[in-house]
Amino acid sequence: MFLHLGANVVVPKKDIVAILEINKKISPITKEFLEIARDEGFIRNVSEINKEKTYLVATDKVYISPISCATLKKRSDSIIDL
């Protein structure tokens, strides 16, 4: 099944590695990972400027979503795998 991230973007649930809040303190290693992902072009921002709430790390990209971690978690839990 798929998880909707906003802006008509969906990600296969099986490809999700992590969901991280943007405004929370993150570890130095996570910060370094996100910087490298940005530098190498793996980040896709699906949010409007100043509306970013969540990093969603998938197997092939890192998405920046305007939807909160809690909402994405609820959506993920409500999806039934067939």
PDB file of N, CA and C in Angstrom:
ATOM      1  N   MET A   1       0.833  -1.178   0.000  1.00  0.00           N
ATOM      2  CA  MET A   1       0.000   0.000   0.000  1.00  0.00           C
ATOM      3  C   MET A   1       0.883   1.250   0.000  1.00  0.00           C
ATOM      4  N   PHE A   2       0.253   2.396  -0.105  1.00  0.00           N
ATOM      5  CA  PHE A   2       0.972   3.661  -0.244  1.00  0.00           C
ATOM      6  C   PHE A   2       0.617   4.632   0.878  1.00  0.00           C
ATOM      7  N   LEU A   3       1.555   5.529   1.164  1.00  0.00           N
ATOM      8  CA  LEU A   3       1.341   6.582   2.150  1.00  0.00           C
ATOM      9  C   LEU A   3       1.394   7.925   1.432  1.00  0.00           C
ATOM     10  N   HIS A   4       0.345   8.724   1.597  1.00  0.00           N
ATOM     11  CA  HIS A   4       0.257  10.045   0.953  1.00  0.00           C
ATOM     12  C   HIS A   4       1.030  11.061   1.781  1.00  0.00           C
ATOM     13  N   LEU A   5       1.964  11.790   1.136  1.00  0.00           N
ATOM     14  CA  LEU A   5       2.822  12.754   1.829  1.00  0.00           C
ATOM     15  C   LEU A   5       2.404  14.199   1.616  1.00  0.00           C
ATOM     16  N   GLY A   6       1.429  14.437   0.766  1.00  0.00           N
ATOM     17  CA  GLY A   6       1.035  15.793   0.399  1.00  0.00           C
ATOM     18  C   GLY A   6       1.462  16.078  -1.023  1.00  0.00           C
ATOM     19  N   ALA A   7       0.879  17.115  -1.631  1.00  0.00           N
ATOM     20  CA  ALA A   7       1.210  17.541  -2.996  1.00  0.00           C
ATOM     21  C   ALA A   7       1.126  16.391  -4.004  1.00  0.00           C
ATOM     22  N   ASN A   8       0.127  15.533  -3.829  1.00  0.00           N
ATOM     23  CA  ASN A   8      -0.100  14.400  -4.736  1.00  0.00           C
ATOM     24  C   ASN A   8       1.092  13.459  -4.834  1.00  0.00           C
ATOM     25  N   VAL A   9       1.850  13.334  -3.750  1.00  0.00           N
ATOM     26  CA  VAL A   9       2.998  12.429  -3.710  1.00  0.00           C
ATOM     27  C   VAL A   9       2.675  11.275  -2.772  1.00  0.00           C
ATOM     28  N   VAL A  10       2.897  10.062  -3.259  1.00  0.00           N
ATOM     29  CA  VAL A  10       2.711   8.868  -2.441  1.00  0.00           C
ATOM     30  C   VAL A  10       3.990   8.037  -2.470  1.00  0.00           C
ATOM     31  N   VAL A  11       4.204   7.314  -1.381  1.00  0.00           N
ATOM     32  CA  VAL A  11       5.385   6.460  -1.254  1.00  0.00           C
ATOM     33  C   VAL A  11       4.901   5.068  -0.854  1.00  0.00           C
ATOM     34  N   PRO A  12       5.434   4.018  -1.473  1.00  0.00           N
ATOM     35  CA  PRO A  12       5.068   2.674  -1.032  1.00  0.00           C
ATOM     36  C   PRO A  12       5.438   2.483   0.443  1.00  0.00           C
ATOM     37  N   LYS A  13       4.501   1.967   1.218  1.00  0.00           N
ATOM     38  CA  LYS A  13       4.716   1.792   2.657  1.00  0.00           C
ATOM     39  C   LYS A  13       5.944   0.923   2.933  1.00  0.00           C
ATOM     40  N   LYS A  14       6.186  -0.058   2.096  1.00  0.00           N
ATOM     41  CA  LYS A  14       7.322  -0.961   2.303  1.00  0.00           C
ATOM     42  C   LYS A  14       8.670  -0.267   2.121  1.00  0.00           C
ATOM     43  N   ASP A  15       8.682   0.896   1.445  1.00  0.00           N
ATOM     44  CA  ASP A  15       9.926   1.631   1.195  1.00  0.00           C
ATOM     45  C   ASP A  15      10.277   2.632   2.296  1.00  0.00           C
ATOM     46  N   ILE A  16       9.393   2.820   3.275  1.00  0.00           N
ATOM     47  CA  ILE A  16       9.635   3.807   4.330  1.00  0.00           C
ATOM     48  C   ILE A  16      10.633   3.258   5.340  1.00  0.00           C
ATOM     49  N   VAL A  17      11.689   4.050   5.575  1.00  0.00           N
ATOM     50  CA  VAL A  17      12.727   3.678   6.533  1.00  0.00           C
ATOM     51  C   VAL A  17      12.523   4.414   7.853  1.00  0.00           C
ATOM     52  N   ALA A  18      12.222   5.715   7.791  1.00  0.00           N
ATOM     53  CA  ALA A  18      12.052   6.517   9.004  1.00  0.00           C
ATOM     54  C   ALA A  18      11.199   7.741   8.715  1.00  0.00           C
ATOM     55  N   ILE A  19      10.534   8.222   9.769  1.00  0.00           N
ATOM     56  CA  ILE A  19       9.785   9.473   9.712  1.00  0.00           C
ATOM     57  C   ILE A  19      10.306  10.331  10.854  1.00  0.00           C
ATOM     58  N   LEU A  20      10.854  11.508  10.518  1.00  0.00           N
ATOM     59  CA  LEU A  20      11.510  12.364  11.508  1.00  0.00           C
ATOM     60  C   LEU A  20      10.890  13.752  11.516  1.00  0.00           C
ATOM     61  N   GLU A  21      10.668  14.292  12.719  1.00  0.00           N
ATOM     62  CA  GLU A  21      10.176  15.664  12.831  1.00  0.00           C
ATOM     63  C   GLU A  21      11.284  16.644  12.513  1.00  0.00           C
ATOM     64  N   ILE A  22      10.995  17.644  11.704  1.00  0.00           N
ATOM     65  CA  ILE A  22      12.000  18.638  11.320  1.00  0.00           C
ATOM     66  C   ILE A  22      12.411  19.501  12.499  1.00  0.00           C
ATOM     67  N   ASN A  23      11.463  19.912  13.336  1.00  0.00           N
ATOM     68  CA  ASN A  23      11.765  20.856  14.410  1.00  0.00           C
ATOM     69  C   ASN A  23      12.336  20.223  15.672  1.00  0.00           C
ATOM     70  N   LYS A  24      12.434  18.923  15.732  1.00  0.00           N
ATOM     71  CA  LYS A  24      13.030  18.251  16.886  1.00  0.00           C
ATOM     72  C   LYS A  24      14.540  18.197  16.723  1.00  0.00           C
ATOM     73  N   LYS A  25      15.224  18.122  17.851  1.00  0.00           N
ATOM     74  CA  LYS A  25      16.680  17.985  17.811  1.00  0.00           C
ATOM     75  C   LYS A  25      17.009  16.599  17.249  1.00  0.00           C
ATOM     76  N   ILE A  26      17.917  16.575  16.278  1.00  0.00           N
ATOM     77  CA  ILE A  26      18.313  15.300  15.685  1.00  0.00           C
ATOM     78  C   ILE A  26      19.784  15.048  15.985  1.00  0.00           C
ATOM     79  N   SER A  27      20.154  13.799  15.954  1.00  0.00           N
ATOM     80  CA  SER A  27      21.530  13.433  16.276  1.00  0.00           C
ATOM     81  C   SER A  27      22.486  13.951  15.204  1.00  0.00           C
ATOM     82  N   PRO A  28      23.756  14.130  15.557  1.00  0.00           N
ATOM     83  CA  PRO A  28      24.742  14.597  14.572  1.00  0.00           C
ATOM     84  C   PRO A  28      24.854  13.673  13.355  1.00  0.00           C
ATOM     85  N   ILE A  29      24.748  12.374  13.561  1.00  0.00           N
ATOM     86  CA  ILE A  29      24.876  11.442  12.436  1.00  0.00           C
ATOM     87  C   ILE A  29      23.675  11.563  11.488  1.00  0.00           C
ATOM     88  N   THR A  30      22.481  11.780  12.055  1.00  0.00           N
ATOM     89  CA  THR A  30      21.293  11.981  11.224  1.00  0.00           C
ATOM     90  C   THR A  30      21.404  13.289  10.461  1.00  0.00           C
ATOM     91  N   LYS A  31      21.887  14.323  11.131  1.00  0.00           N
ATOM     92  CA  LYS A  31      22.080  15.621  10.480  1.00  0.00           C
ATOM     93  C   LYS A  31      23.064  15.487   9.316  1.00  0.00           C
ATOM     94  N   GLU A  32      24.150  14.757   9.541  1.00  0.00           N
ATOM     95  CA  GLU A  32      25.142  14.540   8.481  1.00  0.00           C
ATOM     96  C   GLU A  32      24.519  13.773   7.307  1.00  0.00           C
ATOM     97  N   PHE A  33      23.731  12.735   7.613  1.00  0.00           N
ATOM     98  CA  PHE A  33      23.052  11.963   6.572  1.00  0.00           C
ATOM     99  C   PHE A  33      22.161  12.866   5.718  1.00  0.00           C
ATOM    100  N   LEU A  34      21.381  13.736   6.369  1.00  0.00           N
ATOM    101  CA  LEU A  34      20.477  14.627   5.643  1.00  0.00           C
ATOM    102  C   LEU A  34      21.240  15.639   4.795  1.00  0.00           C
ATOM    103  N   GLU A  35      22.373  16.117   5.301  1.00  0.00           N
ATOM    104  CA  GLU A  35      23.205  17.046   4.521  1.00  0.00           C
ATOM    105  C   GLU A  35      23.770  16.367   3.275  1.00  0.00           C
ATOM    106  N   ILE A  36      24.240  15.134   3.436  1.00  0.00           N
ATOM    107  CA  ILE A  36      24.765  14.384   2.289  1.00  0.00           C
ATOM    108  C   ILE A  36      23.646  14.109   1.281  1.00  0.00           C
ATOM    109  N   ALA A  37      22.478  13.722   1.775  1.00  0.00           N
ATOM    110  CA  ALA A  37      21.340  13.471   0.886  1.00  0.00           C
ATOM    111  C   ALA A  37      20.991  14.726   0.094  1.00  0.00           C
ATOM    112  N   ARG A  38      21.020  15.880   0.760  1.00  0.00           N
ATOM    113  CA  ARG A  38      20.740  17.153   0.072  1.00  0.00           C
ATOM    114  C   ARG A  38      21.805  17.436  -0.983  1.00  0.00           C
ATOM    115  N   ASP A  39      23.080  17.297  -0.598  1.00  0.00           N
ATOM    116  CA  ASP A  39      24.183  17.585  -1.518  1.00  0.00           C
ATOM    117  C   ASP A  39      24.167  16.681  -2.750  1.00  0.00           C
ATOM    118  N   GLU A  40      23.702  15.446  -2.576  1.00  0.00           N
ATOM    119  CA  GLU A  40      23.701  14.486  -3.680  1.00  0.00           C
ATOM    120  C   GLU A  40      22.371  14.436  -4.435  1.00  0.00           C
ATOM    121  N   GLY A  41      21.440  15.299  -4.061  1.00  0.00           N
ATOM    122  CA  GLY A  41      20.189  15.404  -4.802  1.00  0.00           C
ATOM    123  C   GLY A  41      19.137  14.366  -4.472  1.00  0.00           C
ATOM    124  N   PHE A  42      19.197  13.778  -3.287  1.00  0.00           N
ATOM    125  CA  PHE A  42      18.231  12.751  -2.913  1.00  0.00           C
ATOM    126  C   PHE A  42      17.031  13.296  -2.152  1.00  0.00           C
ATOM    127  N   ILE A  43      16.991  14.601  -1.910  1.00  0.00           N
ATOM    128  CA  ILE A  43      15.881  15.175  -1.160  1.00  0.00           C
ATOM    129  C   ILE A  43      14.855  15.749  -2.127  1.00  0.00           C
ATOM    130  N   ARG A  44      13.601  15.404  -1.881  1.00  0.00           N
ATOM    131  CA  ARG A  44      12.489  15.946  -2.673  1.00  0.00           C
ATOM    132  C   ARG A  44      11.551  16.671  -1.716  1.00  0.00           C
ATOM    133  N   ASN A  45      11.429  17.966  -1.898  1.00  0.00           N
ATOM    134  CA  ASN A  45      10.565  18.770  -1.047  1.00  0.00           C
ATOM    135  C   ASN A  45       9.176  18.828  -1.671  1.00  0.00           C
ATOM    136  N   VAL A  46       8.183  18.278  -0.963  1.00  0.00           N
ATOM    137  CA  VAL A  46       6.805  18.302  -1.451  1.00  0.00           C
ATOM    138  C   VAL A  46       5.969  19.287  -0.637  1.00  0.00           C
ATOM    139  N   SER A  47       6.648  20.188   0.053  1.00  0.00           N
ATOM    140  CA  SER A  47       6.005  21.155   0.933  1.00  0.00           C
ATOM    141  C   SER A  47       6.223  22.572   0.426  1.00  0.00           C
ATOM    142  N   GLU A  48       5.343  23.470   0.839  1.00  0.00           N
ATOM    143  CA  GLU A  48       5.547  24.886   0.552  1.00  0.00           C
ATOM    144  C   GLU A  48       6.622  25.427   1.492  1.00  0.00           C
ATOM    145  N   ILE A  49       7.225  26.540   1.128  1.00  0.00           N
ATOM    146  CA  ILE A  49       8.253  27.161   1.966  1.00  0.00           C
ATOM    147  C   ILE A  49       7.654  27.515   3.324  1.00  0.00           C
ATOM    148  N   ASN A  50       8.395  27.210   4.375  1.00  0.00           N
ATOM    149  CA  ASN A  50       8.015  27.446   5.773  1.00  0.00           C
ATOM    150  C   ASN A  50       6.839  26.598   6.249  1.00  0.00           C
ATOM    151  N   LYS A  51       6.472  25.568   5.521  1.00  0.00           N
ATOM    152  CA  LYS A  51       5.404  24.651   5.927  1.00  0.00           C
ATOM    153  C   LYS A  51       5.952  23.246   6.193  1.00  0.00           C
ATOM    154  N   GLU A  52       7.270  23.087   6.128  1.00  0.00           N
ATOM    155  CA  GLU A  52       7.896  21.784   6.285  1.00  0.00           C
ATOM    156  C   GLU A  52       7.745  21.302   7.727  1.00  0.00           C
ATOM    157  N   LYS A  53       7.314  20.034   7.880  1.00  0.00           N
ATOM    158  CA  LYS A  53       7.148  19.472   9.221  1.00  0.00           C
ATOM    159  C   LYS A  53       7.909  18.164   9.420  1.00  0.00           C
ATOM    160  N   THR A  54       8.109  17.416   8.337  1.00  0.00           N
ATOM    161  CA  THR A  54       8.613  16.061   8.484  1.00  0.00           C
ATOM    162  C   THR A  54       9.599  15.685   7.389  1.00  0.00           C
ATOM    163  N   TYR A  55      10.646  14.950   7.800  1.00  0.00           N
ATOM    164  CA  TYR A  55      11.502  14.245   6.848  1.00  0.00           C
ATOM    165  C   TYR A  55      10.982  12.818   6.799  1.00  0.00           C
ATOM    166  N   LEU A  56      10.741  12.302   5.618  1.00  0.00           N
ATOM    167  CA  LEU A  56      10.406  10.903   5.467  1.00  0.00           C
ATOM    168  C   LEU A  56      11.536  10.266   4.676  1.00  0.00           C
ATOM    169  N   VAL A  57      12.246   9.363   5.314  1.00  0.00           N
ATOM    170  CA  VAL A  57      13.372   8.684   4.674  1.00  0.00           C
ATOM    171  C   VAL A  57      12.838   7.406   4.038  1.00  0.00           C
ATOM    172  N   ALA A  58      12.990   7.316   2.729  1.00  0.00           N
ATOM    173  CA  ALA A  58      12.593   6.122   1.988  1.00  0.00           C
ATOM    174  C   ALA A  58      13.855   5.466   1.435  1.00  0.00           C
ATOM    175  N   THR A  59      13.695   4.314   0.827  1.00  0.00           N
ATOM    176  CA  THR A  59      14.860   3.578   0.339  1.00  0.00           C
ATOM    177  C   THR A  59      15.608   4.304  -0.765  1.00  0.00           C
ATOM    178  N   ASP A  60      14.920   5.164  -1.525  1.00  0.00           N
ATOM    179  CA  ASP A  60      15.582   5.821  -2.657  1.00  0.00           C
ATOM    180  C   ASP A  60      15.630   7.341  -2.575  1.00  0.00           C
ATOM    181  N   LYS A  61      14.879   7.960  -1.653  1.00  0.00           N
ATOM    182  CA  LYS A  61      14.819   9.419  -1.533  1.00  0.00           C
ATOM    183  C   LYS A  61      14.520   9.806  -0.094  1.00  0.00           C
ATOM    184  N   VAL A  62      14.740  11.082   0.192  1.00  0.00           N
ATOM    185  CA  VAL A  62      14.288  11.683   1.440  1.00  0.00           C
ATOM    186  C   VAL A  62      13.275  12.746   1.041  1.00  0.00           C
ATOM    187  N   TYR A  63      12.081  12.645   1.597  1.00  0.00           N
ATOM    188  CA  TYR A  63      11.018  13.586   1.275  1.00  0.00           C
ATOM    189  C   TYR A  63      10.844  14.573   2.425  1.00  0.00           C
ATOM    190  N   ILE A  64      10.534  15.816   2.089  1.00  0.00           N
ATOM    191  CA  ILE A  64      10.163  16.810   3.088  1.00  0.00           C
ATOM    192  C   ILE A  64       8.672  17.045   2.905  1.00  0.00           C
ATOM    193  N   SER A  65       7.908  16.762   3.963  1.00  0.00           N
ATOM    194  CA  SER A  65       6.454  16.803   3.880  1.00  0.00           C
ATOM    195  C   SER A  65       5.868  17.884   4.786  1.00  0.00           C
ATOM    196  N   PRO A  66       4.726  18.456   4.384  1.00  0.00           N
ATOM    197  CA  PRO A  66       4.040  19.422   5.232  1.00  0.00           C
ATOM    198  C   PRO A  66       3.138  18.753   6.274  1.00  0.00           C
ATOM    199  N   ILE A  67       3.110  17.442   6.273  1.00  0.00           N
ATOM    200  CA  ILE A  67       2.238  16.694   7.177  1.00  0.00           C
ATOM    201  C   ILE A  67       3.046  16.244   8.391  1.00  0.00           C
ATOM    202  N   SER A  68       2.465  16.370   9.575  1.00  0.00           N
ATOM    203  CA  SER A  68       3.176  16.052  10.816  1.00  0.00           C
ATOM    204  C   SER A  68       3.480  14.560  10.927  1.00  0.00           C
ATOM    205  N   CYS A  69       4.466  14.252  11.754  1.00  0.00           N
ATOM    206  CA  CYS A  69       4.837  12.852  12.005  1.00  0.00           C
ATOM    207  C   CYS A  69       3.646  12.066  12.539  1.00  0.00           C
ATOM    208  N   ALA A  70       2.922  12.676  13.483  1.00  0.00           N
ATOM    209  CA  ALA A  70       1.785  11.985  14.098  1.00  0.00           C
ATOM    210  C   ALA A  70       0.728  11.621  13.054  1.00  0.00           C
ATOM    211  N   THR A  71       0.438  12.536  12.156  1.00  0.00           N
ATOM    212  CA  THR A  71      -0.559  12.273  11.116  1.00  0.00           C
ATOM    213  C   THR A  71      -0.070  11.200  10.149  1.00  0.00           C
ATOM    214  N   LEU A  72       1.194  11.277   9.746  1.00  0.00           N
ATOM    215  CA  LEU A  72       1.739  10.241   8.856  1.00  0.00           C
ATOM    216  C   LEU A  72       1.710   8.876   9.536  1.00  0.00           C
ATOM    217  N   LYS A  73       2.016   8.835  10.826  1.00  0.00           N
ATOM    218  CA  LYS A  73       1.982   7.575  11.582  1.00  0.00           C
ATOM    219  C   LYS A  73       0.561   7.022  11.607  1.00  0.00           C
ATOM    220  N   LYS A  74      -0.419   7.880  11.885  1.00  0.00           N
ATOM    221  CA  LYS A  74      -1.817   7.431  11.898  1.00  0.00           C
ATOM    222  C   LYS A  74      -2.228   6.901  10.530  1.00  0.00           C
ATOM    223  N   ARG A  75      -1.843   7.620   9.478  1.00  0.00           N
ATOM    224  CA  ARG A  75      -2.172   7.164   8.120  1.00  0.00           C
ATOM    225  C   ARG A  75      -1.529   5.815   7.835  1.00  0.00           C
ATOM    226  N   SER A  76      -0.288   5.677   8.258  1.00  0.00           N
ATOM    227  CA  SER A  76       0.441   4.430   8.029  1.00  0.00           C
ATOM    228  C   SER A  76      -0.217   3.269   8.769  1.00  0.00           C
ATOM    229  N   ASP A  77      -0.633   3.519  10.006  1.00  0.00           N
ATOM    230  CA  ASP A  77      -1.269   2.469  10.801  1.00  0.00           C
ATOM    231  C   ASP A  77      -2.644   2.089  10.266  1.00  0.00           C
ATOM    232  N   SER A  78      -3.324   3.034   9.607  1.00  0.00           N
ATOM    233  CA  SER A  78      -4.671   2.757   9.117  1.00  0.00           C
ATOM    234  C   SER A  78      -4.667   2.049   7.762  1.00  0.00           C
ATOM    235  N   ILE A  79      -3.511   1.973   7.126  1.00  0.00           N
ATOM    236  CA  ILE A  79      -3.413   1.299   5.830  1.00  0.00           C
ATOM    237  C   ILE A  79      -3.358  -0.204   6.063  1.00  0.00           C
ATOM    238  N   ILE A  80      -4.220  -0.913   5.405  1.00  0.00           N
ATOM    239  CA  ILE A  80      -4.244  -2.370   5.528  1.00  0.00           C
ATOM    240  C   ILE A  80      -3.491  -2.956   4.346  1.00  0.00           C
ATOM    241  N   ASP A  81      -2.467  -3.752   4.650  1.00  0.00           N
ATOM    242  CA  ASP A  81      -1.720  -4.412   3.578  1.00  0.00           C
ATOM    243  C   ASP A  81      -2.543  -5.567   3.026  1.00  0.00           C
ATOM    244  N   LEU A  82      -2.633  -5.630   1.718  1.00  0.00           N
ATOM    245  CA  LEU A  82      -3.387  -6.712   1.075  1.00  0.00           C
ATOM    246  C   LEU A  82      -2.470  -7.809   0.620  1.00  0.00           C
TER     247      LEU A  82
END
